[in-house]
Amino acid sequence: MTPPPGATGGRRFSGRVAVVTGASRGIGYAIAERLIAEGARVVITARGPEALAEAAAALGGDGVALAVPGRADDVEHQQAAVDAAVAAFGGLDVLVNNTGINPVAGPVTQVSPEALAKTFAVNVGSALGWTARAVAAGLGARPGAAVVNVASVAGLRPSPPVGVYGTSKAALIHLTGELALELAPRVRVNAVAPAVVRTAFAKMLYEGREEQVSRGYPLGRLGDPADVAAAVAFLAGDDAAWITGQTVTIDGGLTLQGAFA
């Protein structure tokens, strides 16, 4: 497999096993790709079985990448995925909670109770569930264990018209600190907060006007999935061995200007 953009060519995850949620495409796929390029064996999850199987094959297939499809907020699916990592690869060292949804846009006062509950169940509750089940399955039993949560710059300050999404990501950032304290010293827990990244998930924020949106970023471009993957790999690896409970903003300088779009 050709190393992803920015990969060091090192093997800092050699012998380590990771679970990456929401990894059939976009940021999650790029994270799995980066970890595998640096020696990890990875279980990837997502809802769509066919797309997930195709992603696993592209990542190297049997012995390298294992697909376990299911809903991120389904406790039985969480258990099945962490059990599969232990059974197939002999343990679990890294968990990346990447799955997120944004089912609504508009004023937060107009969001239905159902949409609100679903957003928090997936964006916050599932990260807690995955972490709890990973720890129970042995995450932290070996040195170097780490959890990385994929949050968003929308969680750093009010972010209309995606206020409910942003509020859920703010909760995820807070949860990151809570878990970091509870799981220390055996497991480090950190988060990343990307701005707009070129993915299908974020298309509504830039499609048809990418050049215009990019001008709002001091570094002159939107993010690529590989940009996020590089930061996640750092936080999950031993180079970040004295970092826990932190959220790393990945935004091309956008938030320096006090704006998100």
C-alpha atoms as a PDB file:
ATOM      1  CA  MET A   1       0.000   0.000   0.000  1.00  0.00           C
ATOM      2  CA  THR A   2       1.324   3.449  -0.919  1.00  0.00           C
ATOM      3  CA  PRO A   3       1.890   5.516   2.230  1.00  0.00           C
ATOM      4  CA  PRO A   4      -0.731   8.247   2.618  1.00  0.00           C
ATOM      5  CA  PRO A   5       0.298  11.893   2.177  1.00  0.00           C
ATOM      6  CA  GLY A   6       2.471  13.070   5.054  1.00  0.00           C
ATOM      7  CA  ALA A   7       3.260   9.590   6.363  1.00  0.00           C
ATOM      8  CA  THR A   8       6.666   9.357   7.940  1.00  0.00           C
ATOM      9  CA  GLY A   9       7.390   5.865   6.662  1.00  0.00           C
ATOM     10  CA  GLY A  10       8.049   4.863  10.279  1.00  0.00           C
ATOM     11  CA  ARG A  11       6.531   1.889  12.080  1.00  0.00           C
ATOM     12  CA  ARG A  12       5.459   3.480  15.364  1.00  0.00           C
ATOM     13  CA  PHE A  13       2.321   1.310  15.440  1.00  0.00           C
ATOM     14  CA  SER A  14       4.053  -1.953  14.665  1.00  0.00           C
ATOM     15  CA  GLY A  15       2.468  -4.720  16.747  1.00  0.00           C
ATOM     16  CA  ARG A  16      -0.441  -2.499  17.786  1.00  0.00           C
ATOM     17  CA  VAL A  17      -4.131  -2.960  17.131  1.00  0.00           C
ATOM     18  CA  ALA A  18      -6.653  -0.183  16.524  1.00  0.00           C
ATOM     19  CA  VAL A  19     -10.399   0.205  16.139  1.00  0.00           C
ATOM     20  CA  VAL A  20     -11.492   3.144  13.979  1.00  0.00           C
ATOM     21  CA  THR A  21     -15.204   3.944  13.793  1.00  0.00           C
ATOM     22  CA  GLY A  22     -16.871   5.525  10.775  1.00  0.00           C
ATOM     23  CA  ALA A  23     -14.017   4.408   8.550  1.00  0.00           C
ATOM     24  CA  SER A  24     -15.556   3.397   5.232  1.00  0.00           C
ATOM     25  CA  ARG A  25     -14.624   6.777   3.730  1.00  0.00           C
ATOM     26  CA  GLY A  26     -13.395  10.294   4.479  1.00  0.00           C
ATOM     27  CA  ILE A  27     -11.574  11.101   7.692  1.00  0.00           C
ATOM     28  CA  GLY A  28     -12.078   7.681   9.264  1.00  0.00           C
ATOM     29  CA  TYR A  29     -10.675   5.893   6.225  1.00  0.00           C
ATOM     30  CA  ALA A  30      -7.681   8.240   6.132  1.00  0.00           C
ATOM     31  CA  ILE A  31      -7.000   7.557   9.815  1.00  0.00           C
ATOM     32  CA  ALA A  32      -7.127   3.796   9.295  1.00  0.00           C
ATOM     33  CA  GLU A  33      -4.888   4.155   6.256  1.00  0.00           C
ATOM     34  CA  ARG A  34      -2.323   6.164   8.204  1.00  0.00           C
ATOM     35  CA  LEU A  35      -2.252   3.753  11.145  1.00  0.00           C
ATOM     36  CA  ILE A  36      -1.844   0.759   8.832  1.00  0.00           C
ATOM     37  CA  ALA A  37       0.923   2.513   6.895  1.00  0.00           C
ATOM     38  CA  GLU A  38       2.775   2.828  10.194  1.00  0.00           C
ATOM     39  CA  GLY A  39       2.371  -0.822  11.143  1.00  0.00           C
ATOM     40  CA  ALA A  40      -1.009  -1.180  12.876  1.00  0.00           C
ATOM     41  CA  ARG A  41      -3.668  -3.786  12.263  1.00  0.00           C
ATOM     42  CA  VAL A  42      -7.069  -2.167  12.254  1.00  0.00           C
ATOM     43  CA  VAL A  43     -10.734  -3.033  12.739  1.00  0.00           C
ATOM     44  CA  ILE A  44     -12.894  -0.544  10.858  1.00  0.00           C
ATOM     45  CA  THR A  45     -16.597   0.062  11.404  1.00  0.00           C
ATOM     46  CA  ALA A  46     -19.445   1.840   9.612  1.00  0.00           C
ATOM     47  CA  ARG A  47     -23.113   1.244   8.865  1.00  0.00           C
ATOM     48  CA  GLY A  48     -22.880   0.120   5.213  1.00  0.00           C
ATOM     49  CA  PRO A  49     -21.521  -3.441   4.879  1.00  0.00           C
ATOM     50  CA  GLU A  50     -20.606  -3.195   1.185  1.00  0.00           C
ATOM     51  CA  ALA A  51     -18.751   0.110   1.390  1.00  0.00           C
ATOM     52  CA  LEU A  52     -16.989  -1.045   4.550  1.00  0.00           C
ATOM     53  CA  ALA A  53     -15.898  -4.316   2.944  1.00  0.00           C
ATOM     54  CA  GLU A  54     -14.526  -2.382  -0.030  1.00  0.00           C
ATOM     55  CA  ALA A  55     -12.626  -0.075   2.326  1.00  0.00           C
ATOM     56  CA  ALA A  56     -11.129  -3.003   4.236  1.00  0.00           C
ATOM     57  CA  ALA A  57      -9.981  -4.605   0.985  1.00  0.00           C
ATOM     58  CA  ALA A  58      -8.411  -1.338  -0.182  1.00  0.00           C
ATOM     59  CA  LEU A  59      -6.605  -1.025   3.154  1.00  0.00           C
ATOM     60  CA  GLY A  60      -4.976  -4.443   2.772  1.00  0.00           C
ATOM     61  CA  GLY A  61      -7.648  -6.965   3.609  1.00  0.00           C
ATOM     62  CA  ASP A  62      -7.225 -10.052   5.760  1.00  0.00           C
ATOM     63  CA  GLY A  63      -4.512  -9.821   8.367  1.00  0.00           C
ATOM     64  CA  VAL A  64      -4.385  -6.026   8.159  1.00  0.00           C
ATOM     65  CA  ALA A  65      -7.893  -4.550   8.072  1.00  0.00           C
ATOM     66  CA  LEU A  66     -11.069  -6.208   9.321  1.00  0.00           C
ATOM     67  CA  ALA A  67     -14.547  -4.811   8.600  1.00  0.00           C
ATOM     68  CA  VAL A  68     -17.250  -5.044  11.270  1.00  0.00           C
ATOM     69  CA  PRO A  69     -20.401  -3.241  10.075  1.00  0.00           C
ATOM     70  CA  GLY A  70     -23.024  -1.798  12.386  1.00  0.00           C
ATOM     71  CA  ARG A  71     -24.494   1.352  13.939  1.00  0.00           C
ATOM     72  CA  ALA A  72     -22.049   3.302  16.053  1.00  0.00           C
ATOM     73  CA  ASP A  73     -24.541   3.774  18.892  1.00  0.00           C
ATOM     74  CA  ASP A  74     -25.500   0.077  19.014  1.00  0.00           C
ATOM     75  CA  VAL A  75     -23.968  -1.434  22.159  1.00  0.00           C
ATOM     76  CA  GLU A  76     -23.979  -4.944  20.685  1.00  0.00           C
ATOM     77  CA  HIS A  77     -22.107  -3.699  17.618  1.00  0.00           C
ATOM     78  CA  GLN A  78     -19.545  -1.946  19.810  1.00  0.00           C
ATOM     79  CA  GLN A  79     -18.965  -5.154  21.723  1.00  0.00           C
ATOM     80  CA  ALA A  80     -18.699  -7.216  18.544  1.00  0.00           C
ATOM     81  CA  ALA A  81     -16.098  -4.883  17.048  1.00  0.00           C
ATOM     82  CA  VAL A  82     -13.798  -4.761  20.068  1.00  0.00           C
ATOM     83  CA  ASP A  83     -14.163  -8.521  20.509  1.00  0.00           C
ATOM     84  CA  ALA A  84     -13.231  -8.989  16.843  1.00  0.00           C
ATOM     85  CA  ALA A  85     -10.084  -6.895  17.313  1.00  0.00           C
ATOM     86  CA  VAL A  86      -8.964  -9.032  20.241  1.00  0.00           C
ATOM     87  CA  ALA A  87      -9.868 -12.318  18.554  1.00  0.00           C
ATOM     88  CA  ALA A  88      -8.331 -11.508  15.159  1.00  0.00           C
ATOM     89  CA  PHE A  89      -5.299  -9.483  16.186  1.00  0.00           C
ATOM     90  CA  GLY A  90      -4.610 -10.430  19.803  1.00  0.00           C
ATOM     91  CA  GLY A  91      -5.427  -7.252  21.709  1.00  0.00           C
ATOM     92  CA  LEU A  92      -6.413  -3.606  21.492  1.00  0.00           C
ATOM     93  CA  ASP A  93      -4.158  -0.566  21.826  1.00  0.00           C
ATOM     94  CA  VAL A  94      -5.838   2.357  20.057  1.00  0.00           C
ATOM     95  CA  LEU A  95      -9.460   3.475  19.713  1.00  0.00           C
ATOM     96  CA  VAL A  96     -10.442   6.297  17.371  1.00  0.00           C
ATOM     97  CA  ASN A  97     -14.007   7.543  17.866  1.00  0.00           C
ATOM     98  CA  ASN A  98     -14.588   9.136  14.491  1.00  0.00           C
ATOM     99  CA  THR A  99     -18.277   8.495  13.811  1.00  0.00           C
ATOM    100  CA  GLY A 100     -20.440  11.598  13.791  1.00  0.00           C
ATOM    101  CA  ILE A 101     -23.767  12.756  12.369  1.00  0.00           C
ATOM    102  CA  ASN A 102     -25.331  16.118  11.625  1.00  0.00           C
ATOM    103  CA  PRO A 103     -28.985  15.400  10.783  1.00  0.00           C
ATOM    104  CA  VAL A 104     -30.312  18.934  11.194  1.00  0.00           C
ATOM    105  CA  ALA A 105     -29.442  22.534  10.425  1.00  0.00           C
ATOM    106  CA  GLY A 106     -31.112  25.662  11.678  1.00  0.00           C
ATOM    107  CA  PRO A 107     -31.957  27.310  15.002  1.00  0.00           C
ATOM    108  CA  VAL A 108     -31.419  25.026  17.980  1.00  0.00           C
ATOM    109  CA  THR A 109     -34.820  25.979  19.375  1.00  0.00           C
ATOM    110  CA  GLN A 110     -36.473  24.380  16.340  1.00  0.00           C
ATOM    111  CA  VAL A 111     -34.750  20.999  16.542  1.00  0.00           C
ATOM    112  CA  SER A 112     -37.011  18.071  17.288  1.00  0.00           C
ATOM    113  CA  PRO A 113     -36.446  16.030  20.447  1.00  0.00           C
ATOM    114  CA  GLU A 114     -35.826  12.983  18.265  1.00  0.00           C
ATOM    115  CA  ALA A 115     -33.084  14.676  16.213  1.00  0.00           C
ATOM    116  CA  LEU A 116     -31.501  16.092  19.358  1.00  0.00           C
ATOM    117  CA  ALA A 117     -31.433  12.693  21.049  1.00  0.00           C
ATOM    118  CA  LYS A 118     -30.014  10.942  17.986  1.00  0.00           C
ATOM    119  CA  THR A 119     -27.265  13.529  17.509  1.00  0.00           C
ATOM    120  CA  PHE A 120     -26.096  13.180  21.093  1.00  0.00           C
ATOM    121  CA  ALA A 121     -26.466   9.390  21.060  1.00  0.00           C
ATOM    122  CA  VAL A 122     -24.094   9.071  18.115  1.00  0.00           C
ATOM    123  CA  ASN A 123     -21.717  11.998  18.631  1.00  0.00           C
ATOM    124  CA  VAL A 124     -21.304  11.689  22.405  1.00  0.00           C
ATOM    125  CA  GLY A 125     -22.913   8.545  23.765  1.00  0.00           C
ATOM    126  CA  SER A 126     -21.299   6.235  21.241  1.00  0.00           C
ATOM    127  CA  ALA A 127     -17.817   7.579  22.032  1.00  0.00           C
ATOM    128  CA  LEU A 128     -18.399   6.815  25.694  1.00  0.00           C
ATOM    129  CA  GLY A 129     -19.806   3.392  24.869  1.00  0.00           C
ATOM    130  CA  TRP A 130     -16.943   2.462  22.568  1.00  0.00           C
ATOM    131  CA  THR A 131     -14.398   3.577  25.151  1.00  0.00           C
ATOM    132  CA  ALA A 132     -16.049   1.657  27.981  1.00  0.00           C
ATOM    133  CA  ARG A 133     -16.220  -1.531  25.941  1.00  0.00           C
ATOM    134  CA  ALA A 134     -12.665  -1.135  24.655  1.00  0.00           C
ATOM    135  CA  VAL A 135     -11.330  -0.785  28.195  1.00  0.00           C
ATOM    136  CA  ALA A 136     -13.327  -3.804  29.315  1.00  0.00           C
ATOM    137  CA  ALA A 137     -11.858  -5.764  26.389  1.00  0.00           C
ATOM    138  CA  GLY A 138      -8.296  -4.934  27.418  1.00  0.00           C
ATOM    139  CA  LEU A 139      -7.451  -1.435  26.187  1.00  0.00           C
ATOM    140  CA  GLY A 140      -4.838  -0.266  28.678  1.00  0.00           C
ATOM    141  CA  ALA A 141      -3.517  -3.727  29.484  1.00  0.00           C
ATOM    142  CA  ARG A 142      -0.468  -3.015  27.302  1.00  0.00           C
ATOM    143  CA  PRO A 143       1.720   0.114  27.372  1.00  0.00           C
ATOM    144  CA  GLY A 144       0.884   2.948  25.000  1.00  0.00           C
ATOM    145  CA  ALA A 145      -2.914   2.667  25.002  1.00  0.00           C
ATOM    146  CA  ALA A 146      -4.730   5.686  23.585  1.00  0.00           C
ATOM    147  CA  VAL A 147      -8.164   6.958  22.639  1.00  0.00           C
ATOM    148  CA  VAL A 148      -8.605   9.796  20.148  1.00  0.00           C
ATOM    149  CA  ASN A 149     -12.017  11.435  19.692  1.00  0.00           C
ATOM    150  CA  VAL A 150     -12.809  13.313  16.491  1.00  0.00           C
ATOM    151  CA  ALA A 151     -14.628  16.466  17.566  1.00  0.00           C
ATOM    152  CA  SER A 152     -14.990  19.699  15.541  1.00  0.00           C
ATOM    153  CA  VAL A 153     -14.223  23.401  15.668  1.00  0.00           C
ATOM    154  CA  ALA A 154     -18.010  23.731  15.881  1.00  0.00           C
ATOM    155  CA  GLY A 155     -17.656  22.496  19.454  1.00  0.00           C
ATOM    156  CA  LEU A 156     -15.333  25.336  20.455  1.00  0.00           C
ATOM    157  CA  ARG A 157     -17.857  28.172  20.287  1.00  0.00           C
ATOM    158  CA  PRO A 158     -21.401  28.849  19.016  1.00  0.00           C
ATOM    159  CA  SER A 159     -21.688  27.605  15.443  1.00  0.00           C
ATOM    160  CA  PRO A 160     -24.976  28.381  13.687  1.00  0.00           C
ATOM    161  CA  PRO A 161     -26.579  26.921  11.627  1.00  0.00           C
ATOM    162  CA  VAL A 162     -25.174  23.621  12.953  1.00  0.00           C
ATOM    163  CA  GLY A 163     -25.669  24.514  16.601  1.00  0.00           C
ATOM    164  CA  VAL A 164     -26.936  21.132  17.768  1.00  0.00           C
ATOM    165  CA  TYR A 165     -24.023  19.383  16.065  1.00  0.00           C
ATOM    166  CA  GLY A 166     -21.619  21.899  17.622  1.00  0.00           C
ATOM    167  CA  THR A 167     -23.162  21.455  21.054  1.00  0.00           C
ATOM    168  CA  SER A 168     -22.733  17.686  20.801  1.00  0.00           C
ATOM    169  CA  LYS A 169     -19.096  18.149  19.810  1.00  0.00           C
ATOM    170  CA  ALA A 170     -18.588  20.498  22.768  1.00  0.00           C
ATOM    171  CA  ALA A 171     -19.899  17.707  24.965  1.00  0.00           C
ATOM    172  CA  LEU A 172     -17.483  15.285  23.293  1.00  0.00           C
ATOM    173  CA  ILE A 173     -14.591  17.638  24.047  1.00  0.00           C
ATOM    174  CA  HIS A 174     -15.665  17.766  27.693  1.00  0.00           C
ATOM    175  CA  LEU A 175     -16.060  13.996  27.762  1.00  0.00           C
ATOM    176  CA  THR A 176     -12.500  13.700  26.477  1.00  0.00           C
ATOM    177  CA  GLY A 177     -11.206  15.405  29.614  1.00  0.00           C
ATOM    178  CA  GLU A 178     -13.403  13.349  31.904  1.00  0.00           C
ATOM    179  CA  LEU A 179     -12.195  10.105  30.341  1.00  0.00           C
ATOM    180  CA  ALA A 180      -8.585  11.267  30.423  1.00  0.00           C
ATOM    181  CA  LEU A 181      -8.800  11.687  34.194  1.00  0.00           C
ATOM    182  CA  GLU A 182     -10.694   8.470  34.823  1.00  0.00           C
ATOM    183  CA  LEU A 183      -8.513   6.255  32.638  1.00  0.00           C
ATOM    184  CA  ALA A 184      -5.089   7.668  33.577  1.00  0.00           C
ATOM    185  CA  PRO A 185      -2.408   6.449  33.789  1.00  0.00           C
ATOM    186  CA  ARG A 186      -3.155   3.343  31.701  1.00  0.00           C
ATOM    187  CA  VAL A 187      -4.983   5.032  28.803  1.00  0.00           C
ATOM    188  CA  ARG A 188      -4.430   8.490  27.316  1.00  0.00           C
ATOM    189  CA  VAL A 189      -7.499  10.236  25.879  1.00  0.00           C
ATOM    190  CA  ASN A 190      -7.297  13.209  23.519  1.00  0.00           C
ATOM    191  CA  ALA A 191      -9.371  14.814  20.773  1.00  0.00           C
ATOM    192  CA  VAL A 192      -8.938  16.641  17.501  1.00  0.00           C
ATOM    193  CA  ALA A 193     -11.195  19.476  16.334  1.00  0.00           C
ATOM    194  CA  PRO A 194     -11.080  19.895  12.556  1.00  0.00           C
ATOM    195  CA  ALA A 195     -12.583  22.740  10.582  1.00  0.00           C
ATOM    196  CA  VAL A 196     -14.049  22.043   7.135  1.00  0.00           C
ATOM    197  CA  VAL A 197     -12.426  19.014   5.521  1.00  0.00           C
ATOM    198  CA  ARG A 198     -13.043  17.876   1.945  1.00  0.00           C
ATOM    199  CA  THR A 199     -15.381  14.964   2.620  1.00  0.00           C
ATOM    200  CA  ALA A 200     -18.868  13.940   1.570  1.00  0.00           C
ATOM    201  CA  PHE A 201     -19.998  14.646   5.145  1.00  0.00           C
ATOM    202  CA  ALA A 202     -18.991  18.320   4.899  1.00  0.00           C
ATOM    203  CA  LYS A 203     -20.026  19.023   1.297  1.00  0.00           C
ATOM    204  CA  MET A 204     -22.917  21.258   2.305  1.00  0.00           C
ATOM    205  CA  LEU A 205     -20.379  23.680   3.783  1.00  0.00           C
ATOM    206  CA  TYR A 206     -18.296  24.177   0.631  1.00  0.00           C
ATOM    207  CA  GLU A 207     -19.784  22.481  -2.430  1.00  0.00           C
ATOM    208  CA  GLY A 208     -19.937  24.860  -5.382  1.00  0.00           C
ATOM    209  CA  ARG A 209     -18.005  27.566  -3.527  1.00  0.00           C
ATOM    210  CA  GLU A 210     -14.796  25.906  -2.351  1.00  0.00           C
ATOM    211  CA  GLU A 211     -12.557  28.680  -3.658  1.00  0.00           C
ATOM    212  CA  GLN A 212     -14.600  31.306  -1.821  1.00  0.00           C
ATOM    213  CA  VAL A 213     -14.651  29.323   1.438  1.00  0.00           C
ATOM    214  CA  SER A 214     -10.931  28.609   1.188  1.00  0.00           C
ATOM    215  CA  ARG A 215     -10.158  32.318   1.077  1.00  0.00           C
ATOM    216  CA  GLY A 216     -11.404  32.531   4.662  1.00  0.00           C
ATOM    217  CA  TYR A 217      -8.594  30.269   5.864  1.00  0.00           C
ATOM    218  CA  PRO A 218      -5.190  31.861   6.564  1.00  0.00           C
ATOM    219  CA  LEU A 219      -3.486  28.810   5.029  1.00  0.00           C
ATOM    220  CA  GLY A 220      -5.570  29.255   1.890  1.00  0.00           C
ATOM    221  CA  ARG A 221      -7.265  25.872   1.603  1.00  0.00           C
ATOM    222  CA  LEU A 222      -9.742  23.508   3.188  1.00  0.00           C
ATOM    223  CA  GLY A 223      -8.520  20.503   5.106  1.00  0.00           C
ATOM    224  CA  ASP A 224      -7.807  17.094   3.615  1.00  0.00           C
ATOM    225  CA  PRO A 225      -8.615  13.864   5.473  1.00  0.00           C
ATOM    226  CA  ALA A 226      -4.863  13.198   5.613  1.00  0.00           C
ATOM    227  CA  ASP A 227      -4.382  16.390   7.667  1.00  0.00           C
ATOM    228  CA  VAL A 228      -6.632  15.002  10.384  1.00  0.00           C
ATOM    229  CA  ALA A 229      -5.159  11.515  10.115  1.00  0.00           C
ATOM    230  CA  ALA A 230      -1.655  12.852  10.747  1.00  0.00           C
ATOM    231  CA  ALA A 231      -2.731  14.575  13.967  1.00  0.00           C
ATOM    232  CA  VAL A 232      -4.645  11.522  15.147  1.00  0.00           C
ATOM    233  CA  ALA A 233      -1.624   9.306  14.509  1.00  0.00           C
ATOM    234  CA  PHE A 234       0.533  11.656  16.572  1.00  0.00           C
ATOM    235  CA  LEU A 235      -1.882  11.685  19.504  1.00  0.00           C
ATOM    236  CA  ALA A 236      -2.318   7.909  19.360  1.00  0.00           C
ATOM    237  CA  GLY A 237       1.425   7.229  19.290  1.00  0.00           C
ATOM    238  CA  ASP A 238       4.238   7.325  21.793  1.00  0.00           C
ATOM    239  CA  ASP A 239       5.436  10.747  20.628  1.00  0.00           C
ATOM    240  CA  ALA A 240       2.413  12.053  22.564  1.00  0.00           C
ATOM    241  CA  ALA A 241       3.122   9.908  25.628  1.00  0.00           C
ATOM    242  CA  TRP A 242       2.809  12.884  28.041  1.00  0.00           C
ATOM    243  CA  ILE A 243      -0.305  14.386  26.471  1.00  0.00           C
ATOM    244  CA  THR A 244      -3.783  13.570  27.708  1.00  0.00           C
ATOM    245  CA  GLY A 245      -7.108  15.373  28.019  1.00  0.00           C
ATOM    246  CA  GLN A 246      -6.255  17.811  25.235  1.00  0.00           C
ATOM    247  CA  THR A 247      -8.074  18.911  22.080  1.00  0.00           C
ATOM    248  CA  VAL A 248      -5.912  19.789  19.076  1.00  0.00           C
ATOM    249  CA  THR A 249      -7.477  22.270  16.660  1.00  0.00           C
ATOM    250  CA  ILE A 250      -6.844  21.451  12.985  1.00  0.00           C
ATOM    251  CA  ASP A 251      -8.227  24.380  11.044  1.00  0.00           C
ATOM    252  CA  GLY A 252      -5.737  26.062   8.726  1.00  0.00           C
ATOM    253  CA  GLY A 253      -5.789  29.050  11.079  1.00  0.00           C
ATOM    254  CA  LEU A 254      -9.521  29.658  10.716  1.00  0.00           C
ATOM    255  CA  THR A 255     -10.363  30.093  14.394  1.00  0.00           C
ATOM    256  CA  LEU A 256      -7.610  32.693  14.805  1.00  0.00           C
ATOM    257  CA  GLN A 257     -10.021  35.028  13.050  1.00  0.00           C
ATOM    258  CA  GLY A 258     -12.975  34.256  15.290  1.00  0.00           C
ATOM    259  CA  ALA A 259     -15.005  32.656  12.522  1.00  0.00           C
ATOM    260  CA  PHE A 260     -15.772  29.171  11.261  1.00  0.00           C
ATOM    261  CA  ALA A 261     -16.973  29.763   7.734  1.00  0.00           C
END
